[in-house]
Amino acid sequence: MNISDLIIDEEFESVIPPLTDEEFELLKESVLNDGEVYHPLVVWNNIIVDGHHRYKILKEHPEVKYRIKERAFENRYEAISWICLNQLGRRNLNDAQKKMLIGRRYKTEKMARGASDGFRGNQHKKSVKGQNVPLPDDVHITSSRIATEMGTNEKTVRRAEKFVDGVDAAEEVLPGVTKDITSGKIKPKQADVAAIAKAPAEERRQLAENLYKKPTPEEKARNKNKRDLMKAIRMCDATHIPSDTNKITPQDMLMTFESEIEKVISSMDFCLDYFPELLTLPEYVVQVKEIIQPLKDYIKNLEENRYAATL
């Protein structure tokens, strides 16, 4: 297989965090000095899945030696998942790039159908419209597995997916924003990015442009006050469990349970006091309802399934 036989897939390439101009020039200089690309270009059906930057150098300098390694994937989903996992092994990733890779991998594996062992077989059902829809239990398994592999938790994995959704929505209305976010040129709040995907189509452009706005001194002061208060809430002694776990009593558990609930309520009150619009503006009301629904479901399940007989 020759370099001229290889294909660049735009979707695959977009998953890979791009090098800065300086990083690319350093890579190019290293390759030309060595006269060889030491790491092989990895391909699937002639499509490059790893080595896009090296490929560009080789196109300009065909005299440089190189190797090509072929990999087998069941489908594009599996290929994209592998690309994400492979890129996550890089040491020079910033926070935004890590979120994009984790979120993209999670989205991809959720939607994979008829995949091989890495995706635990056929995890999905077919919707009425013919789209691949992940089954609820499989979604949990996927997020749990990825969280374990990444050394993080499921909440972080799912937030990363929302971050990806927001970046993708922003890119549709404001091309180039993805590169600015992943390069670190702008560092918007994760919540501001995720909100774009949930906003009405006509509002997305403005929200995407707002990602470039720098906070005013007043906003910085409010954000600092918010961080200080949230830090104080987190530092509150919310646990009443003795250090000797053999001495734990039901009363200890009840006190801890009560304290944790009080902390959750205090945090929610703070958010609503800080931004009353969350309960008045329709676009925020919808999101608030979505956020608290898992809590409502949990309480309902607790009442109906665990101690319904005693109520």
Protein backbone atom coordinates (compact mmCIF):
# COMPACT_ATOMS: atom_id res chain seq x y z
CA MET A 1 0.00 0.00 0.00
CA ASN A 2 1.36 3.41 -1.02
CA ILE A 3 0.81 6.84 0.48
CA SER A 4 -1.20 7.77 -2.62
CA ASP A 5 -3.70 5.02 -1.78
CA LEU A 6 -4.62 6.48 1.58
CA ILE A 7 -7.83 8.39 2.24
CA ILE A 8 -8.59 11.24 4.64
CA ASP A 9 -12.03 10.93 6.24
CA GLU A 10 -13.20 14.32 7.46
CA GLU A 11 -15.20 12.89 10.36
CA PHE A 12 -12.27 10.79 11.57
CA GLU A 13 -9.87 13.70 11.21
CA SER A 14 -12.19 16.04 13.12
CA VAL A 15 -12.05 13.75 16.16
CA ILE A 16 -8.29 14.18 16.48
CA PRO A 17 -7.08 17.25 18.42
CA PRO A 18 -5.05 19.30 15.93
CA LEU A 19 -1.46 20.25 16.57
CA THR A 20 -0.61 23.91 16.95
CA ASP A 21 1.44 25.45 14.16
CA GLU A 22 4.50 25.28 16.39
CA GLU A 23 3.91 21.63 17.28
CA PHE A 24 3.43 20.72 13.62
CA GLU A 25 6.66 22.46 12.61
CA LEU A 26 8.57 20.66 15.36
CA LEU A 27 7.16 17.32 14.19
CA LYS A 28 8.04 18.15 10.59
CA GLU A 29 11.57 19.14 11.54
CA SER A 30 12.04 15.92 13.48
CA VAL A 31 10.77 13.76 10.62
CA LEU A 32 12.95 15.48 8.03
CA ASN A 33 16.05 15.28 10.24
CA ASP A 34 15.50 11.54 10.76
CA GLY A 35 14.47 10.91 7.18
CA GLU A 36 11.87 8.51 8.46
CA VAL A 37 8.48 8.41 10.18
CA TYR A 38 9.01 6.02 13.07
CA HIS A 39 5.38 5.60 14.07
CA PRO A 40 3.35 3.85 11.36
CA LEU A 41 0.29 5.34 9.76
CA VAL A 42 -2.68 3.30 10.99
CA VAL A 43 -5.41 2.67 8.43
CA TRP A 44 -8.74 0.90 8.10
CA ASN A 45 -9.85 0.08 4.56
CA ASN A 46 -7.26 2.61 3.32
CA ILE A 47 -8.76 5.30 5.57
CA ILE A 48 -6.31 6.89 8.00
CA VAL A 49 -7.32 6.47 11.64
CA ASP A 50 -4.00 7.59 13.14
CA GLY A 51 -1.22 9.65 11.58
CA HIS A 52 -3.01 12.53 9.86
CA HIS A 53 -0.24 15.00 10.66
CA ARG A 54 2.48 12.59 9.53
CA TYR A 55 0.50 11.97 6.35
CA LYS A 56 0.53 15.69 5.51
CA ILE A 57 4.31 15.77 5.94
CA LEU A 58 4.76 12.69 3.76
CA LYS A 59 2.64 14.20 1.00
CA GLU A 60 5.04 17.14 0.91
CA HIS A 61 8.15 14.97 1.25
CA PRO A 62 7.64 11.61 -0.51
CA GLU A 63 11.34 10.79 -0.03
CA VAL A 64 10.78 10.16 3.69
CA LYS A 65 10.49 6.51 4.71
CA TYR A 66 7.28 5.36 6.34
CA ARG A 67 5.27 2.29 7.33
CA ILE A 68 1.57 1.55 7.14
CA LYS A 69 -0.27 -0.61 9.65
CA GLU A 70 -3.75 -1.93 8.95
CA ARG A 71 -6.41 -2.43 11.60
CA ALA A 72 -9.76 -4.18 11.38
CA PHE A 73 -12.93 -2.58 12.71
CA GLU A 74 -16.51 -3.79 12.50
CA ASN A 75 -17.85 -0.37 11.56
CA ARG A 76 -17.24 3.37 11.72
CA TYR A 77 -18.46 3.52 15.31
CA GLU A 78 -15.74 1.15 16.43
CA ALA A 79 -13.14 3.03 14.40
CA ILE A 80 -14.08 6.36 15.98
CA SER A 81 -14.08 4.83 19.45
CA TRP A 82 -10.57 3.49 18.84
CA ILE A 83 -9.41 6.90 17.58
CA CYS A 84 -10.69 8.54 20.77
CA LEU A 85 -9.08 5.96 23.01
CA ASN A 86 -5.82 6.16 21.11
CA GLN A 87 -5.75 9.96 21.31
CA LEU A 88 -6.52 9.90 25.03
CA GLY A 89 -3.14 8.25 25.46
CA ARG A 90 -1.41 11.48 24.45
CA ARG A 91 0.25 13.40 27.26
CA ASN A 92 -0.21 16.91 25.90
CA LEU A 93 -4.01 17.10 25.91
CA ASN A 94 -5.74 20.06 27.54
CA ASP A 95 -9.00 19.77 29.49
CA ALA A 96 -11.22 20.67 26.56
CA GLN A 97 -9.57 18.07 24.31
CA LYS A 98 -9.99 15.38 26.96
CA LYS A 99 -13.67 16.24 27.37
CA MET A 100 -14.20 16.08 23.62
CA LEU A 101 -12.52 12.68 23.31
CA ILE A 102 -14.29 11.13 26.29
CA GLY A 103 -17.65 12.56 25.25
CA ARG A 104 -17.22 11.55 21.61
CA ARG A 105 -16.23 8.04 22.61
CA TYR A 106 -19.25 7.73 24.89
CA LYS A 107 -21.65 8.97 22.21
CA THR A 108 -20.12 6.67 19.62
CA GLU A 109 -20.21 3.54 21.74
CA LYS A 110 -23.78 4.23 22.81
CA MET A 111 -24.86 4.29 19.20
CA ALA A 112 -22.80 1.34 18.02
CA ARG A 113 -24.81 -1.59 16.65
CA GLY A 114 -23.75 -5.15 16.07
CA ALA A 115 -20.25 -4.33 17.28
CA SER A 116 -17.59 -6.73 18.44
CA ASP A 117 -16.42 -7.67 21.93
CA GLY A 118 -15.21 -4.19 22.76
CA PHE A 119 -18.80 -2.96 22.58
CA ARG A 120 -20.28 -6.01 24.35
CA GLY A 121 -22.14 -7.29 21.29
CA ASN A 122 -25.41 -5.88 20.01
CA GLN A 123 -26.41 -3.39 22.69
CA HIS A 124 -29.07 -1.51 20.78
CA LYS A 125 -32.56 -1.68 19.45
CA LYS A 126 -34.01 -0.18 16.29
CA SER A 127 -36.31 2.80 16.64
CA VAL A 128 -39.38 3.42 14.51
CA LYS A 129 -37.38 5.78 12.31
CA GLY A 130 -34.63 3.21 11.84
CA GLN A 131 -32.07 4.99 13.98
CA ASN A 132 -29.85 3.21 16.46
CA VAL A 133 -31.13 3.75 19.98
CA PRO A 134 -29.10 2.60 23.00
CA LEU A 135 -30.99 0.57 25.58
CA PRO A 136 -31.09 2.17 29.07
CA ASP A 137 -29.12 -0.58 30.82
CA ASP A 138 -26.47 -0.53 28.11
CA VAL A 139 -26.07 3.23 28.44
CA HIS A 140 -25.26 2.76 32.11
CA ILE A 141 -22.87 -0.09 31.36
CA THR A 142 -21.11 1.96 28.70
CA SER A 143 -20.67 5.07 30.86
CA SER A 144 -19.56 2.95 33.82
CA ARG A 145 -17.00 1.06 31.75
CA ILE A 146 -15.56 4.19 30.15
CA ALA A 147 -15.41 5.93 33.54
CA THR A 148 -13.47 3.01 34.98
CA GLU A 149 -11.06 2.91 32.05
CA MET A 150 -10.48 6.67 32.22
CA GLY A 151 -10.07 6.73 35.99
CA THR A 152 -13.04 9.05 36.47
CA ASN A 153 -16.76 8.76 37.29
CA GLU A 154 -19.92 8.31 35.25
CA LYS A 155 -21.08 11.87 35.87
CA THR A 156 -17.91 13.21 34.25
CA VAL A 157 -18.41 10.94 31.24
CA ARG A 158 -21.99 12.09 30.74
CA ARG A 159 -21.06 15.74 31.19
CA ALA A 160 -18.38 15.25 28.54
CA GLU A 161 -21.08 14.03 26.17
CA LYS A 162 -23.14 17.18 26.80
CA PHE A 163 -20.00 19.24 26.22
CA VAL A 164 -19.53 17.53 22.83
CA ASP A 165 -23.18 18.16 21.94
CA GLY A 166 -22.74 21.83 22.77
CA VAL A 167 -19.53 22.18 20.78
CA ASP A 168 -21.10 20.44 17.78
CA ALA A 169 -24.16 22.72 17.98
CA ALA A 170 -21.92 25.78 18.20
CA GLU A 171 -19.82 24.64 15.24
CA GLU A 172 -22.93 24.36 13.07
CA VAL A 173 -23.80 28.03 13.55
CA LEU A 174 -20.29 29.42 14.07
CA PRO A 175 -17.68 27.44 12.11
CA GLY A 176 -14.25 27.48 13.71
CA VAL A 177 -15.42 27.59 17.32
CA THR A 178 -14.44 23.95 17.88
CA LYS A 179 -10.83 24.67 17.01
CA ASP A 180 -10.80 27.74 19.25
CA ILE A 181 -12.14 25.72 22.18
CA THR A 182 -9.91 22.68 21.75
CA SER A 183 -6.82 24.80 21.13
CA GLY A 184 -7.42 26.74 24.33
CA LYS A 185 -7.85 30.05 22.52
CA ILE A 186 -11.10 30.45 24.44
CA LYS A 187 -11.96 28.67 27.67
CA PRO A 188 -15.73 28.89 28.13
CA LYS A 189 -17.56 27.33 31.04
CA GLN A 190 -18.72 23.80 30.43
CA ALA A 191 -22.30 24.74 31.33
CA ASP A 192 -22.31 27.59 28.78
CA VAL A 193 -21.15 25.22 26.04
CA ALA A 194 -23.63 22.47 26.94
CA ALA A 195 -26.50 25.00 27.00
CA ILE A 196 -26.10 25.69 23.27
CA ALA A 197 -27.32 22.24 22.28
CA LYS A 198 -30.43 22.66 24.42
CA ALA A 199 -31.28 26.16 23.18
CA PRO A 200 -33.75 26.90 20.36
CA ALA A 201 -32.10 26.97 16.94
CA GLU A 202 -32.59 30.72 16.53
CA GLU A 203 -30.68 31.44 19.76
CA ARG A 204 -27.66 29.23 19.18
CA ARG A 205 -25.62 31.65 17.11
CA GLN A 206 -25.75 34.31 19.84
CA LEU A 207 -24.90 31.80 22.54
CA ALA A 208 -21.95 30.57 20.48
CA GLU A 209 -20.70 34.13 20.02
CA ASN A 210 -21.04 34.71 23.76
CA LEU A 211 -18.39 32.04 24.34
CA TYR A 212 -15.83 34.58 23.12
CA LYS A 213 -16.90 37.28 25.56
CA LYS A 214 -14.62 37.93 28.51
CA PRO A 215 -16.31 38.41 31.90
CA THR A 216 -16.58 41.96 33.20
CA PRO A 217 -15.00 42.87 36.57
CA GLU A 218 -18.48 42.65 38.14
CA GLU A 219 -19.02 39.16 36.69
CA LYS A 220 -15.60 38.05 37.90
CA ALA A 221 -16.48 39.26 41.39
CA ARG A 222 -19.81 37.42 41.33
CA ASN A 223 -18.12 34.26 40.08
CA LYS A 224 -15.55 34.47 42.86
CA ASN A 225 -18.29 34.88 45.46
CA LYS A 226 -20.08 31.92 43.97
CA ARG A 227 -16.94 29.77 44.06
CA ASP A 228 -16.23 30.78 47.65
CA LEU A 229 -19.75 29.92 48.75
CA MET A 230 -19.77 26.57 46.95
CA LYS A 231 -16.38 25.79 48.46
CA ALA A 232 -17.75 26.57 51.91
CA ILE A 233 -20.74 24.31 51.29
CA ARG A 234 -18.48 21.46 50.21
CA MET A 235 -16.23 21.94 53.21
CA CYS A 236 -19.11 21.65 55.65
CA ASP A 237 -18.88 18.50 57.73
CA ALA A 238 -21.73 16.58 56.16
CA THR A 239 -20.80 13.17 57.46
CA HIS A 240 -21.50 11.80 60.88
CA ILE A 241 -19.93 8.42 60.31
CA PRO A 242 -17.39 7.35 62.95
CA SER A 243 -13.86 6.62 61.76
CA ASP A 244 -14.27 3.12 63.19
CA THR A 245 -16.70 1.60 60.70
CA ASN A 246 -17.48 -1.23 63.14
CA LYS A 247 -19.25 1.32 65.33
CA ILE A 248 -21.59 2.69 62.67
CA THR A 249 -25.22 2.75 63.80
CA PRO A 250 -28.50 3.35 61.97
CA GLN A 251 -28.62 6.75 63.69
CA ASP A 252 -25.27 7.65 62.12
CA MET A 253 -26.72 6.84 58.72
CA LEU A 254 -29.85 8.87 59.37
CA MET A 255 -27.82 11.91 60.47
CA THR A 256 -25.61 11.65 57.38
CA PHE A 257 -28.66 11.21 55.14
CA GLU A 258 -30.32 14.29 56.64
CA SER A 259 -27.15 16.37 56.39
CA GLU A 260 -26.60 15.48 52.73
CA ILE A 261 -30.19 16.39 51.86
CA GLU A 262 -29.83 19.73 53.62
CA LYS A 263 -26.66 20.41 51.63
CA VAL A 264 -28.40 19.60 48.34
CA ILE A 265 -31.29 21.91 49.21
CA SER A 266 -28.90 24.70 50.21
CA SER A 267 -27.01 24.35 46.93
CA MET A 268 -30.23 24.43 44.91
CA ASP A 269 -31.48 27.48 46.83
CA PHE A 270 -28.19 29.23 46.13
CA CYS A 271 -28.51 28.59 42.38
CA LEU A 272 -32.10 29.79 42.28
CA ASP A 273 -31.37 32.88 44.40
CA TYR A 274 -28.39 33.70 42.22
CA PHE A 275 -30.35 33.33 38.97
CA PRO A 276 -34.13 33.67 39.62
CA GLU A 277 -34.60 33.53 35.85
CA LEU A 278 -34.11 29.75 36.08
CA LEU A 279 -37.70 29.54 37.31
CA THR A 280 -39.23 32.20 35.07
CA LEU A 281 -37.76 32.02 31.57
CA PRO A 282 -39.24 29.10 29.59
CA GLU A 283 -35.93 27.90 28.11
CA TYR A 284 -34.42 27.62 31.60
CA VAL A 285 -37.53 26.13 33.19
CA VAL A 286 -37.36 23.23 30.73
CA GLN A 287 -33.72 22.57 31.60
CA VAL A 288 -34.38 22.79 35.36
CA LYS A 289 -37.12 20.19 34.99
CA GLU A 290 -34.77 17.91 33.09
CA ILE A 291 -32.06 18.29 35.74
CA ILE A 292 -34.29 17.53 38.74
CA GLN A 293 -36.15 14.66 37.07
CA PRO A 294 -33.56 12.01 38.14
CA LEU A 295 -33.98 13.19 41.75
CA LYS A 296 -37.76 12.95 41.47
CA ASP A 297 -37.45 9.48 39.96
CA TYR A 298 -35.11 8.41 42.74
CA ILE A 299 -37.47 9.60 45.48
CA LYS A 300 -40.45 7.99 43.77
CA ASN A 301 -38.57 4.71 43.46
CA LEU A 302 -37.52 4.96 47.11
CA GLU A 303 -41.09 5.48 48.27
CA GLU A 304 -42.69 2.86 46.05
CA ASN A 305 -40.14 0.07 46.17
CA ARG A 306 -38.20 0.25 49.40
CA TYR A 307 -40.48 1.31 52.21
CA ALA A 308 -43.89 1.77 50.60
CA ALA A 309 -45.37 -0.74 53.02
CA THR A 310 -44.46 1.40 56.01
CA LEU A 311 -45.81 4.71 54.69
